Amino acid sequence: MTWLGLISKAVLSPLGKALAAVLAVSLTAGGIYLYGHQRGAASVLQRLQSDRITILKDGRKIDEEALGADDTGLCALLGGCELPDGGDH
């Protein structure tokens, strides 16, 4: 009997069929996991990218407000502050 005959006999046996089924299920589950992982990673990257754009836009708005503010306005932007000389500006 040749190697091909032995392999085909082993694959067609009940144990061979069971191993083939386990292999098929493992490959399918692994493929589904990888697909979901890639989709999840792409979703997170997209969300981070859009959040970064929002932060940059908000940062530009805050910079414009800070550059145009006087002392009292800057204190208000910082959440309130006390001046070192005790004065109230």
C-alpha atoms as a PDB file:
ATOM      1  CA  MET A   1       0.000   0.000   0.000  1.00  0.00           C
ATOM      2  CA  THR A   2       1.329   3.469  -0.864  1.00  0.00           C
ATOM      3  CA  TRP A   3       1.552   6.513   1.372  1.00  0.00           C
ATOM      4  CA  LEU A   4      -1.406   8.065  -0.406  1.00  0.00           C
ATOM      5  CA  GLY A   5      -3.489   4.953   0.289  1.00  0.00           C
ATOM      6  CA  LEU A   6      -2.558   4.996   3.980  1.00  0.00           C
ATOM      7  CA  ILE A   7      -3.333   8.705   4.311  1.00  0.00           C
ATOM      8  CA  SER A   8      -6.713   8.375   2.598  1.00  0.00           C
ATOM      9  CA  LYS A   9      -7.562   5.362   4.774  1.00  0.00           C
ATOM     10  CA  ALA A  10      -6.598   7.322   7.927  1.00  0.00           C
ATOM     11  CA  VAL A  11      -8.594  10.393   6.884  1.00  0.00           C
ATOM     12  CA  LEU A  12     -11.699   8.341   6.074  1.00  0.00           C
ATOM     13  CA  SER A  13     -11.601   6.489   9.407  1.00  0.00           C
ATOM     14  CA  PRO A  14     -13.898   7.668  12.241  1.00  0.00           C
ATOM     15  CA  LEU A  15     -10.931   9.178  14.103  1.00  0.00           C
ATOM     16  CA  GLY A  16      -9.763  10.943  10.941  1.00  0.00           C
ATOM     17  CA  LYS A  17     -13.236  12.398  10.384  1.00  0.00           C
ATOM     18  CA  ALA A  18     -13.384  13.618  13.994  1.00  0.00           C
ATOM     19  CA  LEU A  19      -9.955  15.250  13.696  1.00  0.00           C
ATOM     20  CA  ALA A  20     -10.968  16.866  10.412  1.00  0.00           C
ATOM     21  CA  ALA A  21     -14.131  18.251  12.046  1.00  0.00           C
ATOM     22  CA  VAL A  22     -12.121  19.641  14.987  1.00  0.00           C
ATOM     23  CA  LEU A  23      -9.672  21.237  12.552  1.00  0.00           C
ATOM     24  CA  ALA A  24     -12.497  22.778  10.504  1.00  0.00           C
ATOM     25  CA  VAL A  25     -14.201  24.210  13.604  1.00  0.00           C
ATOM     26  CA  SER A  26     -10.870  25.571  14.896  1.00  0.00           C
ATOM     27  CA  LEU A  27     -10.081  27.278  11.596  1.00  0.00           C
ATOM     28  CA  THR A  28     -13.585  28.760  11.399  1.00  0.00           C
ATOM     29  CA  ALA A  29     -13.463  30.034  14.991  1.00  0.00           C
ATOM     30  CA  GLY A  30      -9.988  31.469  14.447  1.00  0.00           C
ATOM     31  CA  GLY A  31     -11.104  33.245  11.291  1.00  0.00           C
ATOM     32  CA  ILE A  32     -14.139  34.726  13.045  1.00  0.00           C
ATOM     33  CA  TYR A  33     -11.957  35.882  15.957  1.00  0.00           C
ATOM     34  CA  LEU A  34      -9.424  37.554  13.656  1.00  0.00           C
ATOM     35  CA  TYR A  35     -12.167  39.234  11.640  1.00  0.00           C
ATOM     36  CA  GLY A  36     -13.809  40.595  14.802  1.00  0.00           C
ATOM     37  CA  HIS A  37     -10.467  41.707  16.213  1.00  0.00           C
ATOM     38  CA  GLN A  38      -9.595  43.623  13.051  1.00  0.00           C
ATOM     39  CA  ARG A  39     -13.024  45.249  12.912  1.00  0.00           C
ATOM     40  CA  GLY A  40     -12.785  46.249  16.573  1.00  0.00           C
ATOM     41  CA  ALA A  41      -9.300  47.698  16.134  1.00  0.00           C
ATOM     42  CA  ALA A  42     -10.425  49.654  13.073  1.00  0.00           C
ATOM     43  CA  SER A  43     -13.413  50.989  15.006  1.00  0.00           C
ATOM     44  CA  VAL A  44     -11.251  52.134  17.932  1.00  0.00           C
ATOM     45  CA  LEU A  45      -8.746  53.814  15.604  1.00  0.00           C
ATOM     46  CA  GLN A  46     -11.554  55.618  13.770  1.00  0.00           C
ATOM     47  CA  ARG A  47     -13.043  56.836  17.045  1.00  0.00           C
ATOM     48  CA  LEU A  48      -9.641  58.003  18.333  1.00  0.00           C
ATOM     49  CA  GLN A  49      -8.994  59.840  15.083  1.00  0.00           C
ATOM     50  CA  SER A  50     -12.324  61.668  15.227  1.00  0.00           C
ATOM     51  CA  ASP A  51     -11.804  62.486  18.929  1.00  0.00           C
ATOM     52  CA  ARG A  52      -8.348  63.882  18.136  1.00  0.00           C
ATOM     53  CA  ILE A  53      -9.830  66.148  15.474  1.00  0.00           C
ATOM     54  CA  THR A  54     -12.427  67.367  17.986  1.00  0.00           C
ATOM     55  CA  ILE A  55      -9.731  67.991  20.611  1.00  0.00           C
ATOM     56  CA  LEU A  56      -7.627  69.941  18.115  1.00  0.00           C
ATOM     57  CA  LYS A  57     -10.629  72.054  17.121  1.00  0.00           C
ATOM     58  CA  ASP A  58     -11.508  72.680  20.782  1.00  0.00           C
ATOM     59  CA  GLY A  59      -7.861  73.459  21.538  1.00  0.00           C
ATOM     60  CA  ARG A  60      -7.759  76.062  18.767  1.00  0.00           C
ATOM     61  CA  LYS A  61     -10.946  77.620  20.142  1.00  0.00           C
ATOM     62  CA  ILE A  62      -9.482  77.705  23.658  1.00  0.00           C
ATOM     63  CA  ASP A  63      -6.246  79.261  22.363  1.00  0.00           C
ATOM     64  CA  GLU A  64      -8.194  82.005  20.584  1.00  0.00           C
ATOM     65  CA  GLU A  65     -10.150  82.713  23.772  1.00  0.00           C
ATOM     66  CA  ALA A  66      -6.964  82.772  25.875  1.00  0.00           C
ATOM     67  CA  LEU A  67      -5.104  85.068  23.490  1.00  0.00           C
ATOM     68  CA  GLY A  68      -7.964  87.544  23.464  1.00  0.00           C
ATOM     69  CA  ALA A  69      -8.629  87.483  27.213  1.00  0.00           C
ATOM     70  CA  ASP A  70      -7.543  90.039  29.789  1.00  0.00           C
ATOM     71  CA  ASP A  71      -6.368  89.074  33.306  1.00  0.00           C
ATOM     72  CA  THR A  72      -9.874  88.440  34.612  1.00  0.00           C
ATOM     73  CA  GLY A  73     -10.760  86.430  31.513  1.00  0.00           C
ATOM     74  CA  LEU A  74      -7.640  84.282  31.866  1.00  0.00           C
ATOM     75  CA  CYS A  75      -8.471  83.623  35.515  1.00  0.00           C
ATOM     76  CA  ALA A  76     -11.983  82.605  34.500  1.00  0.00           C
ATOM     77  CA  LEU A  77     -10.589  80.255  31.799  1.00  0.00           C
ATOM     78  CA  LEU A  78      -8.287  78.678  34.379  1.00  0.00           C
ATOM     79  CA  GLY A  79     -11.173  78.118  36.759  1.00  0.00           C
ATOM     80  CA  GLY A  80     -10.548  81.118  38.943  1.00  0.00           C
ATOM     81  CA  CYS A  81      -7.276  82.216  40.510  1.00  0.00           C
ATOM     82  CA  GLU A  82      -5.957  84.534  43.173  1.00  0.00           C
ATOM     83  CA  LEU A  83      -3.485  87.192  42.187  1.00  0.00           C
ATOM     84  CA  PRO A  84      -0.228  87.200  44.225  1.00  0.00           C
ATOM     85  CA  ASP A  85      -0.539  90.858  45.288  1.00  0.00           C
ATOM     86  CA  GLY A  86      -3.997  90.252  46.714  1.00  0.00           C
ATOM     87  CA  GLY A  87      -5.544  92.620  44.210  1.00  0.00           C
ATOM     88  CA  ASP A  88      -8.754  91.890  42.375  1.00  0.00           C
ATOM     89  CA  HIS A  89      -8.533  92.241  38.613  1.00  0.00           C
END
